Amino acid sequence: ILLIVVLLFGARKLPELARGLGQSAKEFRKGLSEEDKKPE
C-alpha cells in the first residue's frame, strides 16, 4: 500500500499531503471545540 501511494503521489508530494492533512485535522478539532462552547 505504501509503495502504491508513493507511486501515485510521488515522494515530494507526501510531506505536503501529510502537512495538509494535519492542518485539516487541527482545524476540524478547533471547530468542534468552538461548537461545543456556542450553545453554552
Full PDB file with SEQRES, HELIX, SHEET, SSBOND, CRYST1, ORIGX, SCALE, CONECT and MASTER records, all heavy atoms in Angstrom:
SEQRES   1 A   40  ILE LEU LEU ILE VAL VAL LEU LEU PHE GLY ALA ARG LYS          
SEQRES   2 A   40  LEU PRO GLU LEU ALA ARG GLY LEU GLY GLN SER ALA LYS          
SEQRES   3 A   40  GLU PHE ARG LYS GLY LEU SER GLU GLU ASP LYS LYS PRO          
SEQRES   4 A   40  GLU                                                          
HELIX    1 AA1 LEU A    2  PHE A    9  1                                   8    
HELIX    2 AA2 LYS A   13  LYS A   37  1                                  25    
CRYST1    1.000    1.000    1.000  90.00  90.00  90.00 P 1           1          
ORIGX1      1.000000  0.000000  0.000000        0.00000                         
ORIGX2      0.000000  1.000000  0.000000        0.00000                         
ORIGX3      0.000000  0.000000  1.000000        0.00000                         
SCALE1      1.000000  0.000000  0.000000        0.00000                         
SCALE2      0.000000  1.000000  0.000000        0.00000                         
SCALE3      0.000000  0.000000  1.000000        0.00000                         
ATOM      1  N   ILE A   1       0.834  -1.202   0.000  1.00  0.00           N  
ATOM      2  CA  ILE A   1       0.000   0.000   0.000  1.00  0.00           C  
ATOM      3  C   ILE A   1       0.867   1.249   0.000  1.00  0.00           C  
ATOM      4  O   ILE A   1       0.612   2.205  -0.740  1.00  0.00           O  
ATOM      5  CB  ILE A   1      -0.972  -0.018   1.202  1.00  0.00           C  
ATOM      6  CG1 ILE A   1      -1.994  -1.146   1.008  1.00  0.00           C  
ATOM      7  CG2 ILE A   1      -1.654   1.327   1.368  1.00  0.00           C  
ATOM      8  CD1 ILE A   1      -2.851  -1.402   2.233  1.00  0.00           C  
ATOM      9  N   LEU A   2       1.913   1.269   0.827  1.00  0.00           N  
ATOM     10  CA  LEU A   2       2.822   2.415   0.875  1.00  0.00           C  
ATOM     11  C   LEU A   2       3.507   2.628  -0.470  1.00  0.00           C  
ATOM     12  O   LEU A   2       3.636   3.765  -0.935  1.00  0.00           O  
ATOM     13  CB  LEU A   2       3.860   2.211   1.976  1.00  0.00           C  
ATOM     14  CG  LEU A   2       4.879   3.319   2.156  1.00  0.00           C  
ATOM     15  CD1 LEU A   2       4.185   4.620   2.570  1.00  0.00           C  
ATOM     16  CD2 LEU A   2       5.913   2.924   3.178  1.00  0.00           C  
ATOM     17  N   LEU A   3       3.920   1.560  -1.104  1.00  0.00           N  
ATOM     18  CA  LEU A   3       4.554   1.663  -2.417  1.00  0.00           C  
ATOM     19  C   LEU A   3       3.601   2.248  -3.464  1.00  0.00           C  
ATOM     20  O   LEU A   3       3.980   3.111  -4.253  1.00  0.00           O  
ATOM     21  CB  LEU A   3       5.041   0.286  -2.870  1.00  0.00           C  
ATOM     22  CG  LEU A   3       5.753   0.222  -4.211  1.00  0.00           C  
ATOM     23  CD1 LEU A   3       7.041   1.035  -4.163  1.00  0.00           C  
ATOM     24  CD2 LEU A   3       6.035  -1.208  -4.589  1.00  0.00           C  
ATOM     25  N   ILE A   4       2.346   1.817  -3.430  1.00  0.00           N  
ATOM     26  CA  ILE A   4       1.343   2.339  -4.363  1.00  0.00           C  
ATOM     27  C   ILE A   4       1.108   3.831  -4.124  1.00  0.00           C  
ATOM     28  O   ILE A   4       1.025   4.621  -5.066  1.00  0.00           O  
ATOM     29  CB  ILE A   4       0.038   1.541  -4.260  1.00  0.00           C  
ATOM     30  CG1 ILE A   4       0.256   0.124  -4.808  1.00  0.00           C  
ATOM     31  CG2 ILE A   4      -1.090   2.229  -5.001  1.00  0.00           C  
ATOM     32  CD1 ILE A   4      -0.893  -0.817  -4.549  1.00  0.00           C  
ATOM     33  N   VAL A   5       1.047   4.230  -2.859  1.00  0.00           N  
ATOM     34  CA  VAL A   5       0.836   5.646  -2.528  1.00  0.00           C  
ATOM     35  C   VAL A   5       2.008   6.481  -3.026  1.00  0.00           C  
ATOM     36  O   VAL A   5       1.816   7.554  -3.601  1.00  0.00           O  
ATOM     37  CB  VAL A   5       0.621   5.817  -1.010  1.00  0.00           C  
ATOM     38  CG1 VAL A   5       0.689   7.275  -0.604  1.00  0.00           C  
ATOM     39  CG2 VAL A   5      -0.709   5.213  -0.594  1.00  0.00           C  
ATOM     40  N   VAL A   6       3.214   5.996  -2.829  1.00  0.00           N  
ATOM     41  CA  VAL A   6       4.400   6.731  -3.291  1.00  0.00           C  
ATOM     42  C   VAL A   6       4.392   6.841  -4.811  1.00  0.00           C  
ATOM     43  O   VAL A   6       4.718   7.889  -5.377  1.00  0.00           O  
ATOM     44  CB  VAL A   6       5.697   6.053  -2.791  1.00  0.00           C  
ATOM     45  CG1 VAL A   6       6.925   6.638  -3.476  1.00  0.00           C  
ATOM     46  CG2 VAL A   6       5.828   6.218  -1.287  1.00  0.00           C  
ATOM     47  N   LEU A   7       4.003   5.777  -5.489  1.00  0.00           N  
ATOM     48  CA  LEU A   7       3.951   5.827  -6.950  1.00  0.00           C  
ATOM     49  C   LEU A   7       2.879   6.781  -7.455  1.00  0.00           C  
ATOM     50  O   LEU A   7       3.072   7.473  -8.453  1.00  0.00           O  
ATOM     51  CB  LEU A   7       3.710   4.427  -7.517  1.00  0.00           C  
ATOM     52  CG  LEU A   7       4.885   3.458  -7.418  1.00  0.00           C  
ATOM     53  CD1 LEU A   7       4.461   2.070  -7.885  1.00  0.00           C  
ATOM     54  CD2 LEU A   7       6.068   3.955  -8.218  1.00  0.00           C  
ATOM     55  N   LEU A   8       1.741   6.823  -6.760  1.00  0.00           N  
ATOM     56  CA  LEU A   8       0.653   7.696  -7.203  1.00  0.00           C  
ATOM     57  C   LEU A   8       0.968   9.175  -6.972  1.00  0.00           C  
ATOM     58  O   LEU A   8       0.719  10.013  -7.830  1.00  0.00           O  
ATOM     59  CB  LEU A   8      -0.645   7.331  -6.477  1.00  0.00           C  
ATOM     60  CG  LEU A   8      -1.318   6.043  -6.928  1.00  0.00           C  
ATOM     61  CD1 LEU A   8      -2.532   5.767  -6.037  1.00  0.00           C  
ATOM     62  CD2 LEU A   8      -1.753   6.141  -8.371  1.00  0.00           C  
ATOM     63  N   PHE A   9       1.470   9.495  -5.799  1.00  0.00           N  
ATOM     64  CA  PHE A   9       1.644  10.899  -5.430  1.00  0.00           C  
ATOM     65  C   PHE A   9       3.070  11.400  -5.597  1.00  0.00           C  
ATOM     66  O   PHE A   9       3.301  12.597  -5.672  1.00  0.00           O  
ATOM     67  CB  PHE A   9       1.194  11.132  -3.985  1.00  0.00           C  
ATOM     68  CG  PHE A   9      -0.271  10.899  -3.786  1.00  0.00           C  
ATOM     69  CD1 PHE A   9      -0.714   9.788  -3.093  1.00  0.00           C  
ATOM     70  CD2 PHE A   9      -1.208  11.775  -4.291  1.00  0.00           C  
ATOM     71  CE1 PHE A   9      -2.064   9.561  -2.907  1.00  0.00           C  
ATOM     72  CE2 PHE A   9      -2.551  11.559  -4.116  1.00  0.00           C  
ATOM     73  CZ  PHE A   9      -2.975  10.442  -3.421  1.00  0.00           C  
ATOM     74  N   GLY A  10       4.033  10.529  -5.607  1.00  0.00           N  
ATOM     75  CA  GLY A  10       5.428  10.947  -5.703  1.00  0.00           C  
ATOM     76  C   GLY A  10       5.989  11.246  -4.325  1.00  0.00           C  
ATOM     77  O   GLY A  10       5.277  11.640  -3.407  1.00  0.00           O  
ATOM     78  N   ALA A  11       7.262  11.052  -4.170  1.00  0.00           N  
ATOM     79  CA  ALA A  11       7.918  11.218  -2.868  1.00  0.00           C  
ATOM     80  C   ALA A  11       7.912  12.679  -2.414  1.00  0.00           C  
ATOM     81  O   ALA A  11       7.897  12.959  -1.222  1.00  0.00           O  
ATOM     82  CB  ALA A  11       9.350  10.693  -2.932  1.00  0.00           C  
ATOM     83  N   ARG A  12       7.910  13.619  -3.337  1.00  0.00           N  
ATOM     84  CA  ARG A  12       7.934  15.035  -2.955  1.00  0.00           C  
ATOM     85  C   ARG A  12       6.595  15.507  -2.413  1.00  0.00           C  
ATOM     86  O   ARG A  12       6.536  16.391  -1.568  1.00  0.00           O  
ATOM     87  CB  ARG A  12       8.312  15.891  -4.152  1.00  0.00           C  
ATOM     88  CG  ARG A  12       9.733  15.731  -4.577  1.00  0.00           C  
ATOM     89  CD  ARG A  12      10.056  16.660  -5.708  1.00  0.00           C  
ATOM     90  NE  ARG A  12      11.430  16.485  -6.165  1.00  0.00           N  
ATOM     91  CZ  ARG A  12      11.936  17.090  -7.201  1.00  0.00           C  
ATOM     92  NH1 ARG A  12      11.187  17.905  -7.918  1.00  0.00           N  
ATOM     93  NH2 ARG A  12      13.191  16.881  -7.544  1.00  0.00           N  
ATOM     94  N   LYS A  13       5.513  14.945  -2.909  1.00  0.00           N  
ATOM     95  CA  LYS A  13       4.181  15.398  -2.508  1.00  0.00           C  
ATOM     96  C   LYS A  13       3.740  14.827  -1.163  1.00  0.00           C  
ATOM     97  O   LYS A  13       2.867  15.393  -0.517  1.00  0.00           O  
ATOM     98  CB  LYS A  13       3.146  15.009  -3.565  1.00  0.00           C  
ATOM     99  CG  LYS A  13       3.233  15.830  -4.814  1.00  0.00           C  
ATOM    100  CD  LYS A  13       2.726  17.219  -4.549  1.00  0.00           C  
ATOM    101  CE  LYS A  13       2.697  18.036  -5.817  1.00  0.00           C  
ATOM    102  NZ  LYS A  13       2.253  19.382  -5.589  1.00  0.00           N  
ATOM    103  N   LEU A  14       4.312  13.707  -0.732  1.00  0.00           N  
ATOM    104  CA  LEU A  14       3.860  13.070   0.502  1.00  0.00           C  
ATOM    105  C   LEU A  14       3.994  13.968   1.733  1.00  0.00           C  
ATOM    106  O   LEU A  14       3.049  14.058   2.523  1.00  0.00           O  
ATOM    107  CB  LEU A  14       4.581  11.742   0.713  1.00  0.00           C  
ATOM    108  CG  LEU A  14       4.133  10.627  -0.219  1.00  0.00           C  
ATOM    109  CD1 LEU A  14       4.947   9.364   0.039  1.00  0.00           C  
ATOM    110  CD2 LEU A  14       2.661  10.343  -0.075  1.00  0.00           C  
ATOM    111  N   PRO A  15       5.109  14.658   1.948  1.00  0.00           N  
ATOM    112  CA  PRO A  15       5.178  15.555   3.110  1.00  0.00           C  
ATOM    113  C   PRO A  15       4.137  16.685   3.044  1.00  0.00           C  
ATOM    114  O   PRO A  15       3.552  17.059   4.060  1.00  0.00           O  
ATOM    115  CB  PRO A  15       6.588  16.131   3.062  1.00  0.00           C  
ATOM    116  CG  PRO A  15       7.370  15.148   2.283  1.00  0.00           C  
ATOM    117  CD  PRO A  15       6.409  14.562   1.294  1.00  0.00           C  
ATOM    118  N   GLU A  16       3.888  17.199   1.842  1.00  0.00           N  
ATOM    119  CA  GLU A  16       2.889  18.248   1.685  1.00  0.00           C  
ATOM    120  C   GLU A  16       1.491  17.719   1.995  1.00  0.00           C  
ATOM    121  O   GLU A  16       0.693  18.395   2.650  1.00  0.00           O  
ATOM    122  CB  GLU A  16       2.924  18.812   0.272  1.00  0.00           C  
ATOM    123  CG  GLU A  16       4.193  19.560  -0.063  1.00  0.00           C  
ATOM    124  CD  GLU A  16       4.242  19.984  -1.513  1.00  0.00           C  
ATOM    125  OE1 GLU A  16       3.181  20.013  -2.166  1.00  0.00           O  
ATOM    126  OE2 GLU A  16       5.356  20.286  -1.993  1.00  0.00           O  
ATOM    127  N   LEU A  17       1.197  16.512   1.525  1.00  0.00           N  
ATOM    128  CA  LEU A  17      -0.103  15.908   1.801  1.00  0.00           C  
ATOM    129  C   LEU A  17      -0.280  15.650   3.292  1.00  0.00           C  
ATOM    130  O   LEU A  17      -1.353  15.900   3.855  1.00  0.00           O  
ATOM    131  CB  LEU A  17      -0.254  14.593   1.023  1.00  0.00           C  
ATOM    132  CG  LEU A  17      -0.423  14.728  -0.482  1.00  0.00           C  
ATOM    133  CD1 LEU A  17      -0.369  13.358  -1.137  1.00  0.00           C  
ATOM    134  CD2 LEU A  17      -1.729  15.402  -0.811  1.00  0.00           C  
ATOM    135  N   ALA A  18       0.774  15.153   3.940  1.00  0.00           N  
ATOM    136  CA  ALA A  18       0.700  14.886   5.374  1.00  0.00           C  
ATOM    137  C   ALA A  18       0.510  16.184   6.161  1.00  0.00           C  
ATOM    138  O   ALA A  18      -0.269  16.238   7.116  1.00  0.00           O  
ATOM    139  CB  ALA A  18       1.964  14.163   5.838  1.00  0.00           C  
ATOM    140  N   ARG A  19       1.199  17.230   5.753  1.00  0.00           N  
ATOM    141  CA  ARG A  19       1.072  18.530   6.428  1.00  0.00           C  
ATOM    142  C   ARG A  19      -0.340  19.080   6.256  1.00  0.00           C  
ATOM    143  O   ARG A  19      -0.954  19.566   7.205  1.00  0.00           O  
ATOM    144  CB  ARG A  19       2.097  19.503   5.845  1.00  0.00           C  
ATOM    145  CG  ARG A  19       2.239  20.789   6.612  1.00  0.00           C  
ATOM    146  CD  ARG A  19       3.355  21.678   6.048  1.00  0.00           C  
ATOM    147  NE  ARG A  19       4.620  20.965   5.933  1.00  0.00           N  
ATOM    148  CZ  ARG A  19       5.237  20.722   4.771  1.00  0.00           C  
ATOM    149  NH1 ARG A  19       4.715  21.132   3.641  1.00  0.00           N  
ATOM    150  NH2 ARG A  19       6.389  20.079   4.750  1.00  0.00           N  
ATOM    151  N   GLY A  20      -0.873  18.976   5.056  1.00  0.00           N  
ATOM    152  CA  GLY A  20      -2.240  19.444   4.802  1.00  0.00           C  
ATOM    153  C   GLY A  20      -3.266  18.652   5.592  1.00  0.00           C  
ATOM    154  O   GLY A  20      -4.222  19.213   6.118  1.00  0.00           O  
ATOM    155  N   LEU A  21      -3.058  17.345   5.681  1.00  0.00           N  
ATOM    156  CA  LEU A  21      -3.961  16.503   6.456  1.00  0.00           C  
ATOM    157  C   LEU A  21      -3.908  16.866   7.933  1.00  0.00           C  
ATOM    158  O   LEU A  21      -4.944  16.940   8.608  1.00  0.00           O  
ATOM    159  CB  LEU A  21      -3.597  15.025   6.255  1.00  0.00           C  
ATOM    160  CG  LEU A  21      -4.506  14.007   6.896  1.00  0.00           C  
ATOM    161  CD1 LEU A  21      -5.922  14.117   6.340  1.00  0.00           C  
ATOM    162  CD2 LEU A  21      -3.961  12.611   6.675  1.00  0.00           C  
ATOM    163  N   GLY A  22      -2.722  17.127   8.444  1.00  0.00           N  
ATOM    164  CA  GLY A  22      -2.570  17.532   9.842  1.00  0.00           C  
ATOM    165  C   GLY A  22      -3.250  18.865  10.125  1.00  0.00           C  
ATOM    166  O   GLY A  22      -3.911  19.038  11.143  1.00  0.00           O  
ATOM    167  N   GLN A  23      -3.106  19.816   9.220  1.00  0.00           N  
ATOM    168  CA  GLN A  23      -3.750  21.119   9.399  1.00  0.00           C  
ATOM    169  C   GLN A  23      -5.262  20.991   9.323  1.00  0.00           C  
ATOM    170  O   GLN A  23      -5.981  21.647  10.080  1.00  0.00           O  
ATOM    171  CB  GLN A  23      -3.252  22.104   8.346  1.00  0.00           C  
ATOM    172  CG  GLN A  23      -1.826  22.551   8.570  1.00  0.00           C  
ATOM    173  CD  GLN A  23      -1.310  23.440   7.452  1.00  0.00           C  
ATOM    174  OE1 GLN A  23      -1.932  23.560   6.398  1.00  0.00           O  
ATOM    175  NE2 GLN A  23      -0.151  24.044   7.666  1.00  0.00           N  
ATOM    176  N   SER A  24      -5.743  20.138   8.451  1.00  0.00           N  
ATOM    177  CA  SER A  24      -7.187  19.921   8.349  1.00  0.00           C  
ATOM    178  C   SER A  24      -7.736  19.312   9.626  1.00  0.00           C  
ATOM    179  O   SER A  24      -8.794  19.718  10.116  1.00  0.00           O  
ATOM    180  CB  SER A  24      -7.507  19.001   7.168  1.00  0.00           C  
ATOM    181  OG  SER A  24      -7.092  19.582   5.969  1.00  0.00           O  
ATOM    182  N   ALA A  25      -7.035  18.340  10.171  1.00  0.00           N  
ATOM    183  CA  ALA A  25      -7.470  17.709  11.419  1.00  0.00           C  
ATOM    184  C   ALA A  25      -7.461  18.724  12.566  1.00  0.00           C  
ATOM    185  O   ALA A  25      -8.374  18.737  13.397  1.00  0.00           O  
ATOM    186  CB  ALA A  25      -6.566  16.523  11.748  1.00  0.00           C  
ATOM    187  N   LYS A  26      -6.453  19.593  12.585  1.00  0.00           N  
ATOM    188  CA  LYS A  26      -6.361  20.619  13.625  1.00  0.00           C  
ATOM    189  C   LYS A  26      -7.541  21.592  13.538  1.00  0.00           C  
ATOM    190  O   LYS A  26      -8.165  21.922  14.544  1.00  0.00           O  
ATOM    191  CB  LYS A  26      -5.041  21.374  13.480  1.00  0.00           C  
ATOM    192  CG  LYS A  26      -4.818  22.432  14.509  1.00  0.00           C  
ATOM    193  CD  LYS A  26      -3.488  23.126  14.288  1.00  0.00           C  
ATOM    194  CE  LYS A  26      -3.280  24.271  15.237  1.00  0.00           C  
ATOM    195  NZ  LYS A  26      -2.021  24.974  14.997  1.00  0.00           N  
ATOM    196  N   GLU A  27      -7.865  22.038  12.328  1.00  0.00           N  
ATOM    197  CA  GLU A  27      -8.985  22.950  12.128  1.00  0.00           C  
ATOM    198  C   GLU A  27     -10.315  22.272  12.488  1.00  0.00           C  
ATOM    199  O   GLU A  27     -11.203  22.898  13.050  1.00  0.00           O  
ATOM    200  CB  GLU A  27      -9.028  23.448  10.686  1.00  0.00           C  
ATOM    201  CG  GLU A  27      -7.943  24.431  10.351  1.00  0.00           C  
ATOM    202  CD  GLU A  27      -8.095  25.741  11.105  1.00  0.00           C  
ATOM    203  OE1 GLU A  27      -9.243  26.219  11.277  1.00  0.00           O  
ATOM    204  OE2 GLU A  27      -7.067  26.282  11.526  1.00  0.00           O  
ATOM    205  N   PHE A  28     -10.432  20.991  12.164  1.00  0.00           N  
ATOM    206  CA  PHE A  28     -11.647  20.246  12.481  1.00  0.00           C  
ATOM    207  C   PHE A  28     -11.850  20.174  13.991  1.00  0.00           C  
ATOM    208  O   PHE A  28     -12.941  20.437  14.498  1.00  0.00           O  
ATOM    209  CB  PHE A  28     -11.560  18.839  11.879  1.00  0.00           C  
ATOM    210  CG  PHE A  28     -12.777  18.004  12.138  1.00  0.00           C  
ATOM    211  CD1 PHE A  28     -13.961  18.268  11.476  1.00  0.00           C  
ATOM    212  CD2 PHE A  28     -12.732  16.951  13.041  1.00  0.00           C  
ATOM    213  CE1 PHE A  28     -15.085  17.495  11.707  1.00  0.00           C  
ATOM    214  CE2 PHE A  28     -13.842  16.177  13.274  1.00  0.00           C  
ATOM    215  CZ  PHE A  28     -15.020  16.448  12.607  1.00  0.00           C  
ATOM    216  N   ARG A  29     -10.784  19.837  14.720  1.00  0.00           N  
ATOM    217  CA  ARG A  29     -10.880  19.772  16.190  1.00  0.00           C  
ATOM    218  C   ARG A  29     -11.178  21.153  16.774  1.00  0.00           C  
ATOM    219  O   ARG A  29     -11.934  21.282  17.722  1.00  0.00           O  
ATOM    220  CB  ARG A  29      -9.587  19.224  16.775  1.00  0.00           C  
ATOM    221  CG  ARG A  29      -9.517  17.724  16.693  1.00  0.00           C  
ATOM    222  CD  ARG A  29      -8.331  17.178  17.455  1.00  0.00           C  
ATOM    223  NE  ARG A  29      -7.476  16.527  16.474  1.00  0.00           N  
ATOM    224  CZ  ARG A  29      -6.202  16.849  16.233  1.00  0.00           C  
ATOM    225  NH1 ARG A  29      -5.610  17.786  16.921  1.00  0.00           N  
ATOM    226  NH2 ARG A  29      -5.523  16.218  15.323  1.00  0.00           N  
ATOM    227  N   LYS A  30     -10.589  22.191  16.199  1.00  0.00           N  
ATOM    228  CA  LYS A  30     -10.831  23.558  16.667  1.00  0.00           C  
ATOM    229  C   LYS A  30     -12.295  23.933  16.453  1.00  0.00           C  
ATOM    230  O   LYS A  30     -12.930  24.513  17.328  1.00  0.00           O  
ATOM    231  CB  LYS A  30      -9.926  24.525  15.905  1.00  0.00           C  
ATOM    232  CG  LYS A  30     -10.063  25.959  16.326  1.00  0.00           C  
ATOM    233  CD  LYS A  30      -9.133  26.841  15.513  1.00  0.00           C  
ATOM    234  CE  LYS A  30      -9.339  28.300  15.815  1.00  0.00           C  
ATOM    235  NZ  LYS A  30      -8.508  29.168  14.969  1.00  0.00           N  
ATOM    236  N   GLY A  31     -12.836  23.566  15.296  1.00  0.00           N  
ATOM    237  CA  GLY A  31     -14.243  23.841  15.010  1.00  0.00           C  
ATOM    238  C   GLY A  31     -15.169  23.092  15.950  1.00  0.00           C  
ATOM    239  O   GLY A  31     -16.190  23.622  16.392  1.00  0.00           O  
ATOM    240  N   LEU A  32     -14.821  21.861  16.279  1.00  0.00           N  
ATOM    241  CA  LEU A  32     -15.649  21.084  17.213  1.00  0.00           C  
ATOM    242  C   LEU A  32     -15.640  21.712  18.599  1.00  0.00           C  
ATOM    243  O   LEU A  32     -16.674  21.785  19.253  1.00  0.00           O  
ATOM    244  CB  LEU A  32     -15.150  19.639  17.293  1.00  0.00           C  
ATOM    245  CG  LEU A  32     -15.480  18.738  16.116  1.00  0.00           C  
ATOM    246  CD1 LEU A  32     -14.886  17.361  16.344  1.00  0.00           C  
ATOM    247  CD2 LEU A  32     -16.970  18.643  15.906  1.00  0.00           C  
ATOM    248  N   SER A  33     -14.479  22.176  19.048  1.00  0.00           N  
ATOM    249  CA  SER A  33     -14.408  22.774  20.375  1.00  0.00           C  
ATOM    250  C   SER A  33     -15.151  24.109  20.417  1.00  0.00           C  
ATOM    251  O   SER A  33     -15.773  24.449  21.418  1.00  0.00           O  
ATOM    252  CB  SER A  33     -12.960  22.957  20.818  1.00  0.00           C  
ATOM    253  OG  SER A  33     -12.305  23.917  20.021  1.00  0.00           O  
ATOM    254  N   GLU A  34     -15.119  24.861  19.325  1.00  0.00           N  
ATOM    255  CA  GLU A  34     -15.863  26.123  19.282  1.00  0.00           C  
ATOM    256  C   GLU A  34     -17.359  25.870  19.256  1.00  0.00           C  
ATOM    257  O   GLU A  34     -18.130  26.605  19.862  1.00  0.00           O  
ATOM    258  CB  GLU A  34     -15.447  26.939  18.056  1.00  0.00           C  
ATOM    259  CG  GLU A  34     -14.071  27.541  18.172  1.00  0.00           C  
ATOM    260  CD  GLU A  34     -13.659  28.288  16.918  1.00  0.00           C  
ATOM    261  OE1 GLU A  34     -14.460  28.348  15.966  1.00  0.00           O  
ATOM    262  OE2 GLU A  34     -12.538  28.808  16.896  1.00  0.00           O  
ATOM    263  N   GLU A  35     -17.780  24.818  18.569  1.00  0.00           N  
ATOM    264  CA  GLU A  35     -19.198  24.491  18.500  1.00  0.00           C  
ATOM    265  C   GLU A  35     -19.724  24.068  19.864  1.00  0.00           C  
ATOM    266  O   GLU A  35     -20.859  24.373  20.224  1.00  0.00           O  
ATOM    267  CB  GLU A  35     -19.423  23.370  17.487  1.00  0.00           C  
ATOM    268  CG  GLU A  35     -20.877  23.065  17.247  1.00  0.00           C  
ATOM    269  CD  GLU A  35     -21.065  22.035  16.161  1.00  0.00           C  
ATOM    270  OE1 GLU A  35     -20.545  22.232  15.063  1.00  0.00           O  
ATOM    271  OE2 GLU A  35     -21.730  21.028  16.454  1.00  0.00           O  
ATOM    272  N   ASP A  36     -18.892  23.390  20.640  1.00  0.00           N  
ATOM    273  CA  ASP A  36     -19.296  22.983  21.981  1.00  0.00           C  
ATOM    274  C   ASP A  36     -19.483  24.196  22.896  1.00  0.00           C  
ATOM    275  O   ASP A  36     -20.320  24.186  23.784  1.00  0.00           O  
ATOM    276  CB  ASP A  36     -18.253  22.047  22.596  1.00  0.00           C  
ATOM    277  CG  ASP A  36     -18.254  20.676  21.944  1.00  0.00           C  
ATOM    278  OD1 ASP A  36     -19.249  20.337  21.275  1.00  0.00           O  
ATOM    279  OD2 ASP A  36     -17.257  19.945  22.114  1.00  0.00           O  
ATOM    280  N   LYS A  37     -18.721  25.239  22.673  1.00  0.00           N  
ATOM    281  CA  LYS A  37     -18.809  26.429  23.511  1.00  0.00           C  
ATOM    282  C   LYS A  37     -20.026  27.284  23.167  1.00  0.00           C  
ATOM    283  O   LYS A  37     -20.589  27.929  24.027  1.00  0.00           O  
ATOM    284  CB  LYS A  37     -17.548  27.274  23.376  1.00  0.00           C  
ATOM    285  CG  LYS A  37     -16.321  26.617  23.958  1.00  0.00           C  
ATOM    286  CD  LYS A  37     -15.104  27.479  23.740  1.00  0.00           C  
ATOM    287  CE  LYS A  37     -13.861  26.803  24.252  1.00  0.00           C  
ATOM    288  NZ  LYS A  37     -12.658  27.610  24.004  1.00  0.00           N  
ATOM    289  N   LYS A  38     -20.434  27.318  21.900  1.00  0.00           N  
ATOM    290  CA  LYS A  38     -21.517  28.191  21.460  1.00  0.00           C  
ATOM    291  C   LYS A  38     -22.849  27.933  22.163  1.00  0.00           C  
ATOM    292  O   LYS A  38     -23.475  28.884  22.607  1.00  0.00           O  
ATOM    293  CB  LYS A  38     -21.694  28.112  19.948  1.00  0.00           C  
ATOM    294  CG  LYS A  38     -20.632  28.853  19.194  1.00  0.00           C  
ATOM    295  CD  LYS A  38     -20.882  28.801  17.713  1.00  0.00           C  
ATOM    296  CE  LYS A  38     -19.771  29.532  16.972  1.00  0.00           C  
ATOM    297  NZ  LYS A  38     -19.980  29.495  15.535  1.00  0.00           N  
ATOM    298  N   PRO A  39     -23.322  26.697  22.301  1.00  0.00           N  
ATOM    299  CA  PRO A  39     -24.621  26.503  22.961  1.00  0.00           C  
ATOM    300  C   PRO A  39     -24.640  26.988  24.407  1.00  0.00           C  
ATOM    301  O   PRO A  39     -25.647  27.461  24.897  1.00  0.00           O  
ATOM    302  CB  PRO A  39     -24.833  24.988  22.901  1.00  0.00           C  
ATOM    303  CG  PRO A  39     -24.016  24.525  21.768  1.00  0.00           C  
ATOM    304  CD  PRO A  39     -22.840  25.460  21.722  1.00  0.00           C  
ATOM    305  N   GLU A  40     -23.503  26.923  25.088  1.00  0.00           N  
ATOM    306  CA  GLU A  40     -23.447  27.392  26.463  1.00  0.00           C  
ATOM    307  C   GLU A  40     -23.554  28.913  26.533  1.00  0.00           C  
ATOM    308  O   GLU A  40     -24.188  29.463  27.419  1.00  0.00           O  
ATOM    309  CB  GLU A  40     -22.139  26.944  27.114  1.00  0.00           C  
ATOM    310  CG  GLU A  40     -22.030  25.442  27.257  1.00  0.00           C  
ATOM    311  CD  GLU A  40     -20.657  25.020  27.735  1.00  0.00           C  
ATOM    312  OE1 GLU A  40     -19.811  25.916  27.979  1.00  0.00           O  
ATOM    313  OE2 GLU A  40     -20.426  23.811  27.859  1.00  0.00           O  
TER     314      GLU A  40                                                      
MASTER        0    0    0    2    0    0    0    6  313    1    0    4          
END                                                                             
